[in-house]
């Protein structure tokens, strides 16, 4: 006997319509620049980063 979650039903047209609406919305484009923006690294953390790099054996 299969688990209740294994009995998959076909997606209803309304569900598909909502999925396509969300896909076409593109409201995340306002945040895209923020997601791709590189993080500035604090100067005080630089020593820890360099130490970890040397510990891993990377010289450059």
Foldseek 3Di string as FASTA:
>chain_A
DDDPVPPDDDDDPVVVVVVVCVVPVCPCVVCVCVVPDDDDDDPVCVVVVVVVCVVVPHDD
